[in-house]
């Protein structure tokens, strides 16, 4: 795996990252964990997600998959997008 510096942050990340958008929609929690573990085993150190991916389920699946291995990745996420009718990313699930 090739690694690159992430801007001027001093962080080094894999040149190939893993996108977590399908987690919680096309990909269930067990499959997400399998994908994440395989990516980490192959040297992937950058994972991208967002709270709007499948109304937060992507981040939930990713959190479960990274249990005990969170220290191995740089996690990129976005916030503040619309998450569905009457709900923003700043409101916890079930608050509307």
PDB file of N, CA and C in Angstrom:
ATOM      1  N   UNK A   1       0.849  -1.179   0.000  1.00  0.00           N
ATOM      2  CA  UNK A   1       0.000   0.000   0.000  1.00  0.00           C
ATOM      3  C   UNK A   1       0.890   1.236   0.000  1.00  0.00           C
ATOM      4  N   UNK A   2       0.522   2.191  -0.792  1.00  0.00           N
ATOM      5  CA  UNK A   2       1.206   3.484  -0.796  1.00  0.00           C
ATOM      6  C   UNK A   2       0.558   4.380   0.262  1.00  0.00           C
ATOM      7  N   UNK A   3       1.358   5.241   0.854  1.00  0.00           N
ATOM      8  CA  UNK A   3       0.864   6.172   1.863  1.00  0.00           C
ATOM      9  C   UNK A   3       1.277   7.576   1.476  1.00  0.00           C
ATOM     10  N   UNK A   4       0.455   8.539   1.842  1.00  0.00           N
ATOM     11  CA  UNK A   4       0.710   9.942   1.497  1.00  0.00           C
ATOM     12  C   UNK A   4       0.420  10.822   2.705  1.00  0.00           C
ATOM     13  N   UNK A   5       1.053  11.986   2.706  1.00  0.00           N
ATOM     14  CA  UNK A   5       0.791  12.968   3.762  1.00  0.00           C
ATOM     15  C   UNK A   5      -0.538  13.648   3.479  1.00  0.00           C
ATOM     16  N   UNK A   6      -1.329  13.833   4.501  1.00  0.00           N
ATOM     17  CA  UNK A   6      -2.626  14.474   4.388  1.00  0.00           C
ATOM     18  C   UNK A   6      -2.435  15.970   4.620  1.00  0.00           C
ATOM     19  N   UNK A   7      -2.267  16.685   3.530  1.00  0.00           N
ATOM     20  CA  UNK A   7      -2.040  18.126   3.609  1.00  0.00           C
ATOM     21  C   UNK A   7      -0.849  18.439   4.486  1.00  0.00           C
ATOM     22  N   UNK A   8      -1.002  19.446   5.329  1.00  0.00           N
ATOM     23  CA  UNK A   8       0.061  19.841   6.251  1.00  0.00           C
ATOM     24  C   UNK A   8      -0.232  19.364   7.672  1.00  0.00           C
ATOM     25  N   UNK A   9      -1.142  18.391   7.796  1.00  0.00           N
ATOM     26  CA  UNK A   9      -1.576  17.925   9.107  1.00  0.00           C
ATOM     27  C   UNK A   9      -0.535  17.082   9.827  1.00  0.00           C
ATOM     28  N   UNK A  10       0.403  16.531   9.074  1.00  0.00           N
ATOM     29  CA  UNK A  10       1.369  15.620   9.662  1.00  0.00           C
ATOM     30  C   UNK A  10       0.882  14.184   9.661  1.00  0.00           C
ATOM     31  N   UNK A  11      -0.384  13.977   9.295  1.00  0.00           N
ATOM     32  CA  UNK A  11      -0.935  12.626   9.228  1.00  0.00           C
ATOM     33  C   UNK A  11      -0.524  11.950   7.930  1.00  0.00           C
ATOM     34  N   UNK A  12      -0.326  10.666   8.008  1.00  0.00           N
ATOM     35  CA  UNK A  12      -0.039   9.876   6.828  1.00  0.00           C
ATOM     36  C   UNK A  12      -1.183   8.893   6.647  1.00  0.00           C
ATOM     37  N   UNK A  13      -1.741   8.855   5.438  1.00  0.00           N
ATOM     38  CA  UNK A  13      -2.873   7.972   5.159  1.00  0.00           C
ATOM     39  C   UNK A  13      -2.603   7.150   3.914  1.00  0.00           C
ATOM     40  N   UNK A  14      -3.348   6.068   3.784  1.00  0.00           N
ATOM     41  CA  UNK A  14      -3.219   5.228   2.600  1.00  0.00           C
ATOM     42  C   UNK A  14      -3.685   6.002   1.365  1.00  0.00           C
ATOM     43  N   UNK A  15      -3.050   5.731   0.234  1.00  0.00           N
ATOM     44  CA  UNK A  15      -3.429   6.385  -1.015  1.00  0.00           C
ATOM     45  C   UNK A  15      -4.828   5.949  -1.452  1.00  0.00           C
ATOM     46  N   UNK A  16      -5.254   4.787  -1.010  1.00  0.00           N
ATOM     47  CA  UNK A  16      -6.599   4.282  -1.284  1.00  0.00           C
ATOM     48  C   UNK A  16      -7.385   4.316   0.025  1.00  0.00           C
ATOM     49  N   UNK A  17      -8.556   4.920  -0.030  1.00  0.00           N
ATOM     50  CA  UNK A  17      -9.409   4.983   1.149  1.00  0.00           C
ATOM     51  C   UNK A  17     -10.644   4.117   0.960  1.00  0.00           C
ATOM     52  N   UNK A  18     -11.372   3.935   2.026  1.00  0.00           N
ATOM     53  CA  UNK A  18     -12.604   3.164   1.999  1.00  0.00           C
ATOM     54  C   UNK A  18     -13.770   4.106   2.236  1.00  0.00           C
ATOM     55  N   UNK A  19     -14.733   4.097   1.325  1.00  0.00           N
ATOM     56  CA  UNK A  19     -15.944   4.888   1.477  1.00  0.00           C
ATOM     57  C   UNK A  19     -17.041   4.059   2.120  1.00  0.00           C
ATOM     58  N   UNK A  20     -17.696   4.609   3.137  1.00  0.00           N
ATOM     59  CA  UNK A  20     -18.680   3.859   3.907  1.00  0.00           C
ATOM     60  C   UNK A  20     -20.125   4.182   3.526  1.00  0.00           C
ATOM     61  N   UNK A  21     -20.333   4.828   2.395  1.00  0.00           N
ATOM     62  CA  UNK A  21     -21.687   5.189   1.997  1.00  0.00           C
ATOM     63  C   UNK A  21     -22.635   3.994   1.902  1.00  0.00           C
ATOM     64  N   UNK A  22     -22.221   2.841   1.400  1.00  0.00           N
ATOM     65  CA  UNK A  22     -23.171   1.716   1.284  1.00  0.00           C
ATOM     66  C   UNK A  22     -23.550   1.067   2.612  1.00  0.00           C
ATOM     67  N   UNK A  23     -22.809   1.328   3.671  1.00  0.00           N
ATOM     68  CA  UNK A  23     -23.085   0.687   4.960  1.00  0.00           C
ATOM     69  C   UNK A  23     -24.453   1.139   5.467  1.00  0.00           C
ATOM     70  N   UNK A  24     -25.283   0.183   5.793  1.00  0.00           N
ATOM     71  CA  UNK A  24     -26.610   0.491   6.290  1.00  0.00           C
ATOM     72  C   UNK A  24     -27.670   0.515   5.218  1.00  0.00           C
ATOM     73  N   UNK A  25     -27.277   0.376   3.961  1.00  0.00           N
ATOM     74  CA  UNK A  25     -28.235   0.307   2.872  1.00  0.00           C
ATOM     75  C   UNK A  25     -28.000  -0.990   2.109  1.00  0.00           C
ATOM     76  N   UNK A  26     -27.038  -0.993   1.201  1.00  0.00           N
ATOM     77  CA  UNK A  26     -26.721  -2.218   0.472  1.00  0.00           C
ATOM     78  C   UNK A  26     -25.929  -3.205   1.329  1.00  0.00           C
ATOM     79  N   UNK A  27     -25.309  -2.716   2.392  1.00  0.00           N
ATOM     80  CA  UNK A  27     -24.393  -3.519   3.197  1.00  0.00           C
ATOM     81  C   UNK A  27     -24.855  -3.546   4.657  1.00  0.00           C
ATOM     82  N   UNK A  28     -25.100  -4.745   5.188  1.00  0.00           N
ATOM     83  CA  UNK A  28     -25.518  -4.877   6.589  1.00  0.00           C
ATOM     84  C   UNK A  28     -24.303  -4.773   7.517  1.00  0.00           C
ATOM     85  N   UNK A  29     -24.546  -4.774   8.821  1.00  0.00           N
ATOM     86  CA  UNK A  29     -23.483  -4.567   9.813  1.00  0.00           C
ATOM     87  C   UNK A  29     -22.390  -5.629   9.732  1.00  0.00           C
ATOM     88  N   UNK A  30     -22.772  -6.891   9.579  1.00  0.00           N
ATOM     89  CA  UNK A  30     -21.774  -7.963   9.525  1.00  0.00           C
ATOM     90  C   UNK A  30     -20.899  -7.843   8.279  1.00  0.00           C
ATOM     91  N   UNK A  31     -21.510  -7.524   7.162  1.00  0.00           N
ATOM     92  CA  UNK A  31     -20.747  -7.374   5.924  1.00  0.00           C
ATOM     93  C   UNK A  31     -19.864  -6.135   5.991  1.00  0.00           C
ATOM     94  N   UNK A  32     -20.378  -5.057   6.587  1.00  0.00           N
ATOM     95  CA  UNK A  32     -19.576  -3.844   6.758  1.00  0.00           C
ATOM     96  C   UNK A  32     -18.330  -4.155   7.579  1.00  0.00           C
ATOM     97  N   UNK A  33     -18.490  -4.912   8.656  1.00  0.00           N
ATOM     98  CA  UNK A  33     -17.344  -5.282   9.492  1.00  0.00           C
ATOM     99  C   UNK A  33     -16.337  -6.089   8.692  1.00  0.00           C
ATOM    100  N   UNK A  34     -16.815  -7.007   7.885  1.00  0.00           N
ATOM    101  CA  UNK A  34     -15.927  -7.822   7.058  1.00  0.00           C
ATOM    102  C   UNK A  34     -15.151  -6.956   6.066  1.00  0.00           C
ATOM    103  N   UNK A  35     -15.835  -6.017   5.445  1.00  0.00           N
ATOM    104  CA  UNK A  35     -15.194  -5.107   4.485  1.00  0.00           C
ATOM    105  C   UNK A  35     -14.140  -4.255   5.188  1.00  0.00           C
ATOM    106  N   UNK A  36     -14.505  -3.682   6.319  1.00  0.00           N
ATOM    107  CA  UNK A  36     -13.585  -2.817   7.065  1.00  0.00           C
ATOM    108  C   UNK A  36     -12.359  -3.600   7.517  1.00  0.00           C
ATOM    109  N   UNK A  37     -12.561  -4.773   8.073  1.00  0.00           N
ATOM    110  CA  UNK A  37     -11.421  -5.569   8.557  1.00  0.00           C
ATOM    111  C   UNK A  37     -10.492  -5.966   7.417  1.00  0.00           C
ATOM    112  N   UNK A  38     -11.055  -6.325   6.278  1.00  0.00           N
ATOM    113  CA  UNK A  38     -10.223  -6.694   5.129  1.00  0.00           C
ATOM    114  C   UNK A  38      -9.431  -5.486   4.640  1.00  0.00           C
ATOM    115  N   UNK A  39     -10.086  -4.330   4.574  1.00  0.00           N
ATOM    116  CA  UNK A  39      -9.396  -3.111   4.145  1.00  0.00           C
ATOM    117  C   UNK A  39      -8.239  -2.786   5.086  1.00  0.00           C
ATOM    118  N   UNK A  40      -8.483  -2.870   6.392  1.00  0.00           N
ATOM    119  CA  UNK A  40      -7.416  -2.596   7.358  1.00  0.00           C
ATOM    120  C   UNK A  40      -6.285  -3.599   7.213  1.00  0.00           C
ATOM    121  N   UNK A  41      -6.625  -4.866   7.006  1.00  0.00           N
ATOM    122  CA  UNK A  41      -5.600  -5.894   6.837  1.00  0.00           C
ATOM    123  C   UNK A  41      -4.755  -5.657   5.586  1.00  0.00           C
ATOM    124  N   UNK A  42      -5.348  -5.003   4.584  1.00  0.00           N
ATOM    125  CA  UNK A  42      -4.621  -4.688   3.348  1.00  0.00           C
ATOM    126  C   UNK A  42      -3.844  -3.379   3.438  1.00  0.00           C
ATOM    127  N   UNK A  43      -3.962  -2.677   4.569  1.00  0.00           N
ATOM    128  CA  UNK A  43      -3.189  -1.451   4.767  1.00  0.00           C
ATOM    129  C   UNK A  43      -3.952  -0.161   4.585  1.00  0.00           C
ATOM    130  N   UNK A  44      -5.255  -0.225   4.342  1.00  0.00           N
ATOM    131  CA  UNK A  44      -6.055   0.993   4.231  1.00  0.00           C
ATOM    132  C   UNK A  44      -6.092   1.661   5.608  1.00  0.00           C
ATOM    133  N   UNK A  45      -5.781   2.954   5.629  1.00  0.00           N
ATOM    134  CA  UNK A  45      -5.782   3.685   6.891  1.00  0.00           C
ATOM    135  C   UNK A  45      -6.704   4.904   6.859  1.00  0.00           C
ATOM    136  N   UNK A  46      -7.402   5.123   5.737  1.00  0.00           N
ATOM    137  CA  UNK A  46      -8.318   6.255   5.628  1.00  0.00           C
ATOM    138  C   UNK A  46      -9.714   5.737   5.304  1.00  0.00           C
ATOM    139  N   UNK A  47     -10.693   6.133   6.108  1.00  0.00           N
ATOM    140  CA  UNK A  47     -12.081   5.765   5.871  1.00  0.00           C
ATOM    141  C   UNK A  47     -12.916   7.041   5.874  1.00  0.00           C
ATOM    142  N   UNK A  48     -13.795   7.139   4.877  1.00  0.00           N
ATOM    143  CA  UNK A  48     -14.670   8.294   4.723  1.00  0.00           C
ATOM    144  C   UNK A  48     -16.112   7.897   5.022  1.00  0.00           C
ATOM    145  N   UNK A  49     -16.804   8.738   5.788  1.00  0.00           N
ATOM    146  CA  UNK A  49     -18.216   8.521   6.080  1.00  0.00           C
ATOM    147  C   UNK A  49     -18.879   9.880   6.257  1.00  0.00           C
ATOM    148  N   UNK A  50     -20.163   9.854   6.562  1.00  0.00           N
ATOM    149  CA  UNK A  50     -20.909  11.084   6.860  1.00  0.00           C
ATOM    150  C   UNK A  50     -22.160  10.714   7.629  1.00  0.00           C
ATOM    151  N   UNK A  51     -22.615  11.637   8.442  1.00  0.00           N
ATOM    152  CA  UNK A  51     -23.814  11.356   9.228  1.00  0.00           C
ATOM    153  C   UNK A  51     -25.052  11.181   8.347  1.00  0.00           C
ATOM    154  N   UNK A  52     -25.043  11.738   7.143  1.00  0.00           N
ATOM    155  CA  UNK A  52     -26.212  11.605   6.273  1.00  0.00           C
ATOM    156  C   UNK A  52     -26.245  10.284   5.506  1.00  0.00           C
ATOM    157  N   UNK A  53     -25.164   9.522   5.522  1.00  0.00           N
ATOM    158  CA  UNK A  53     -25.186   8.242   4.820  1.00  0.00           C
ATOM    159  C   UNK A  53     -26.170   7.313   5.520  1.00  0.00           C
ATOM    160  N   UNK A  54     -27.272   7.062   4.856  1.00  0.00           N
ATOM    161  CA  UNK A  54     -28.312   6.161   5.364  1.00  0.00           C
ATOM    162  C   UNK A  54     -28.786   6.567   6.758  1.00  0.00           C
ATOM    163  N   UNK A  55     -28.988   7.876   6.913  1.00  0.00           N
ATOM    164  CA  UNK A  55     -29.519   8.460   8.154  1.00  0.00           C
ATOM    165  C   UNK A  55     -28.715   8.087   9.388  1.00  0.00           C
ATOM    166  N   UNK A  56     -27.408   8.001   9.232  1.00  0.00           N
ATOM    167  CA  UNK A  56     -26.530   7.730  10.367  1.00  0.00           C
ATOM    168  C   UNK A  56     -26.205   6.269  10.571  1.00  0.00           C
ATOM    169  N   UNK A  57     -26.882   5.381   9.869  1.00  0.00           N
ATOM    170  CA  UNK A  57     -26.635   3.951  10.045  1.00  0.00           C
ATOM    171  C   UNK A  57     -25.229   3.580   9.576  1.00  0.00           C
ATOM    172  N   UNK A  58     -24.743   4.248   8.557  1.00  0.00           N
ATOM    173  CA  UNK A  58     -23.373   3.993   8.088  1.00  0.00           C
ATOM    174  C   UNK A  58     -22.375   4.190   9.212  1.00  0.00           C
ATOM    175  N   UNK A  59     -22.495   5.298   9.939  1.00  0.00           N
ATOM    176  CA  UNK A  59     -21.568   5.560  11.031  1.00  0.00           C
ATOM    177  C   UNK A  59     -21.740   4.555  12.170  1.00  0.00           C
ATOM    178  N   UNK A  60     -22.965   4.110  12.403  1.00  0.00           N
ATOM    179  CA  UNK A  60     -23.193   3.095  13.437  1.00  0.00           C
ATOM    180  C   UNK A  60     -22.493   1.788  13.062  1.00  0.00           C
ATOM    181  N   UNK A  61     -22.673   1.351  11.816  1.00  0.00           N
ATOM    182  CA  UNK A  61     -22.013   0.119  11.356  1.00  0.00           C
ATOM    183  C   UNK A  61     -20.494   0.267  11.406  1.00  0.00           C
ATOM    184  N   UNK A  62     -20.013   1.426  10.984  1.00  0.00           N
ATOM    185  CA  UNK A  62     -18.571   1.668  10.983  1.00  0.00           C
ATOM    186  C   UNK A  62     -18.022   1.659  12.404  1.00  0.00           C
ATOM    187  N   UNK A  63     -18.734   2.249  13.339  1.00  0.00           N
ATOM    188  CA  UNK A  63     -18.299   2.250  14.731  1.00  0.00           C
ATOM    189  C   UNK A  63     -18.172   0.842  15.286  1.00  0.00           C
ATOM    190  N   UNK A  64     -19.154  -0.001  14.978  1.00  0.00           N
ATOM    191  CA  UNK A  64     -19.096  -1.397  15.421  1.00  0.00           C
ATOM    192  C   UNK A  64     -17.913  -2.122  14.781  1.00  0.00           C
ATOM    193  N   UNK A  65     -17.701  -1.872  13.502  1.00  0.00           N
ATOM    194  CA  UNK A  65     -16.623  -2.549  12.769  1.00  0.00           C
ATOM    195  C   UNK A  65     -15.239  -2.137  13.275  1.00  0.00           C
ATOM    196  N   UNK A  66     -15.116  -0.902  13.748  1.00  0.00           N
ATOM    197  CA  UNK A  66     -13.814  -0.395  14.188  1.00  0.00           C
ATOM    198  C   UNK A  66     -13.522  -0.673  15.664  1.00  0.00           C
ATOM    199  N   UNK A  67     -14.458  -1.285  16.362  1.00  0.00           N
ATOM    200  CA  UNK A  67     -14.237  -1.560  17.782  1.00  0.00           C
ATOM    201  C   UNK A  67     -12.926  -2.317  17.981  1.00  0.00           C
ATOM    202  N   UNK A  68     -12.055  -1.757  18.799  1.00  0.00           N
ATOM    203  CA  UNK A  68     -10.755  -2.351  19.067  1.00  0.00           C
ATOM    204  C   UNK A  68      -9.700  -2.038  18.023  1.00  0.00           C
ATOM    205  N   UNK A  69     -10.112  -1.387  16.917  1.00  0.00           N
ATOM    206  CA  UNK A  69      -9.151  -1.085  15.852  1.00  0.00           C
ATOM    207  C   UNK A  69      -9.190   0.394  15.440  1.00  0.00           C
ATOM    208  N   UNK A  70      -9.947   1.198  16.165  1.00  0.00           N
ATOM    209  CA  UNK A  70     -10.111   2.608  15.804  1.00  0.00           C
ATOM    210  C   UNK A  70      -8.769   3.317  15.665  1.00  0.00           C
ATOM    211  N   UNK A  71      -7.800   2.919  16.467  1.00  0.00           N
ATOM    212  CA  UNK A  71      -6.484   3.563  16.452  1.00  0.00           C
ATOM    213  C   UNK A  71      -5.735   3.338  15.131  1.00  0.00           C
ATOM    214  N   UNK A  72      -6.222   2.455  14.287  1.00  0.00           N
ATOM    215  CA  UNK A  72      -5.546   2.134  13.031  1.00  0.00           C
ATOM    216  C   UNK A  72      -5.938   3.047  11.875  1.00  0.00           C
ATOM    217  N   UNK A  73      -6.956   3.897  12.061  1.00  0.00           N
ATOM    218  CA  UNK A  73      -7.455   4.673  10.923  1.00  0.00           C
ATOM    219  C   UNK A  73      -7.531   6.164  11.195  1.00  0.00           C
ATOM    220  N   UNK A  74      -7.481   6.912  10.099  1.00  0.00           N
ATOM    221  CA  UNK A  74      -7.864   8.315  10.092  1.00  0.00           C
ATOM    222  C   UNK A  74      -9.274   8.304   9.522  1.00  0.00           C
ATOM    223  N   UNK A  75     -10.201   8.823  10.291  1.00  0.00           N
ATOM    224  CA  UNK A  75     -11.609   8.785   9.915  1.00  0.00           C
ATOM    225  C   UNK A  75     -12.058  10.166   9.483  1.00  0.00           C
ATOM    226  N   UNK A  76     -12.512  10.249   8.248  1.00  0.00           N
ATOM    227  CA  UNK A  76     -13.037  11.508   7.728  1.00  0.00           C
ATOM    228  C   UNK A  76     -14.547  11.451   7.713  1.00  0.00           C
ATOM    229  N   UNK A  77     -15.187  12.495   8.208  1.00  0.00           N
ATOM    230  CA  UNK A  77     -16.646  12.534   8.207  1.00  0.00           C
ATOM    231  C   UNK A  77     -17.112  13.955   7.914  1.00  0.00           C
ATOM    232  N   UNK A  78     -18.355  14.041   7.532  1.00  0.00           N
ATOM    233  CA  UNK A  78     -18.967  15.333   7.264  1.00  0.00           C
ATOM    234  C   UNK A  78     -20.190  15.453   8.164  1.00  0.00           C
ATOM    235  N   UNK A  79     -20.637  16.682   8.406  1.00  0.00           N
ATOM    236  CA  UNK A  79     -21.819  16.900   9.241  1.00  0.00           C
ATOM    237  C   UNK A  79     -22.622  18.055   8.676  1.00  0.00           C
ATOM    238  N   UNK A  80     -23.864  18.153   9.116  1.00  0.00           N
ATOM    239  CA  UNK A  80     -24.750  19.280   8.834  1.00  0.00           C
ATOM    240  C   UNK A  80     -25.566  19.124   7.563  1.00  0.00           C
ATOM    241  N   UNK A  81     -25.568  17.981   6.926  1.00  0.00           N
ATOM    242  CA  UNK A  81     -26.435  17.758   5.785  1.00  0.00           C
ATOM    243  C   UNK A  81     -27.819  17.351   6.244  1.00  0.00           C
ATOM    244  N   UNK A  82     -28.791  17.537   5.374  1.00  0.00           N
ATOM    245  CA  UNK A  82     -30.158  17.114   5.687  1.00  0.00           C
ATOM    246  C   UNK A  82     -30.211  15.594   5.758  1.00  0.00           C
ATOM    247  N   UNK A  83     -30.860  15.069   6.798  1.00  0.00           N
ATOM    248  CA  UNK A  83     -30.900  13.622   7.007  1.00  0.00           C
ATOM    249  C   UNK A  83     -32.287  13.037   6.791  1.00  0.00           C
ATOM    250  N   UNK A  84     -33.203  13.786   6.280  1.00  0.00           N
ATOM    251  CA  UNK A  84     -34.532  13.269   6.032  1.00  0.00           C
ATOM    252  C   UNK A  84     -35.579  14.280   6.447  1.00  0.00           C
ATOM    253  N   UNK A  85     -36.841  13.971   6.180  1.00  0.00           N
ATOM    254  CA  UNK A  85     -37.907  14.915   6.493  1.00  0.00           C
ATOM    255  C   UNK A  85     -37.905  15.320   7.965  1.00  0.00           C
ATOM    256  N   UNK A  86     -37.792  16.621   8.203  1.00  0.00           N
ATOM    257  CA  UNK A  86     -37.889  17.137   9.552  1.00  0.00           C
ATOM    258  C   UNK A  86     -36.707  16.866  10.448  1.00  0.00           C
ATOM    259  N   UNK A  87     -35.591  16.373   9.900  1.00  0.00           N
ATOM    260  CA  UNK A  87     -34.456  16.016  10.753  1.00  0.00           C
ATOM    261  C   UNK A  87     -33.162  16.533  10.148  1.00  0.00           C
ATOM    262  N   UNK A  88     -32.321  17.122  10.963  1.00  0.00           N
ATOM    263  CA  UNK A  88     -31.003  17.546  10.515  1.00  0.00           C
ATOM    264  C   UNK A  88     -29.960  16.703  11.215  1.00  0.00           C
ATOM    265  N   UNK A  89     -28.737  16.791  10.756  1.00  0.00           N
ATOM    266  CA  UNK A  89     -27.673  15.995  11.353  1.00  0.00           C
ATOM    267  C   UNK A  89     -27.342  16.432  12.775  1.00  0.00           C
ATOM    268  N   UNK A  90     -27.828  17.584  13.180  1.00  0.00           N
ATOM    269  CA  UNK A  90     -27.549  18.060  14.532  1.00  0.00           C
ATOM    270  C   UNK A  90     -28.555  17.529  15.555  1.00  0.00           C
ATOM    271  N   UNK A  91     -29.587  16.837  15.081  1.00  0.00           N
ATOM    272  CA  UNK A  91     -30.583  16.282  15.990  1.00  0.00           C
ATOM    273  C   UNK A  91     -30.359  14.791  16.155  1.00  0.00           C
ATOM    274  N   UNK A  92     -30.404  14.287  17.375  1.00  0.00           N
ATOM    275  CA  UNK A  92     -30.212  12.844  17.565  1.00  0.00           C
ATOM    276  C   UNK A  92     -31.361  12.053  16.965  1.00  0.00           C
ATOM    277  N   UNK A  93     -31.113  10.826  16.540  1.00  0.00           N
ATOM    278  CA  UNK A  93     -32.181   9.991  15.991  1.00  0.00           C
ATOM    279  C   UNK A  93     -33.347   9.895  16.969  1.00  0.00           C
ATOM    280  N   UNK A  94     -34.558   9.949  16.420  1.00  0.00           N
ATOM    281  CA  UNK A  94     -35.743   9.820  17.241  1.00  0.00           C
ATOM    282  C   UNK A  94     -36.185  11.090  17.924  1.00  0.00           C
ATOM    283  N   UNK A  95     -35.487  12.214  17.660  1.00  0.00           N
ATOM    284  CA  UNK A  95     -35.826  13.461  18.350  1.00  0.00           C
ATOM    285  C   UNK A  95     -36.951  14.217  17.670  1.00  0.00           C
ATOM    286  N   UNK A  96     -37.349  13.812  16.462  1.00  0.00           N
ATOM    287  CA  UNK A  96     -38.426  14.526  15.782  1.00  0.00           C
ATOM    288  C   UNK A  96     -39.713  13.741  15.823  1.00  0.00           C
TER     289      UNK A  96
END
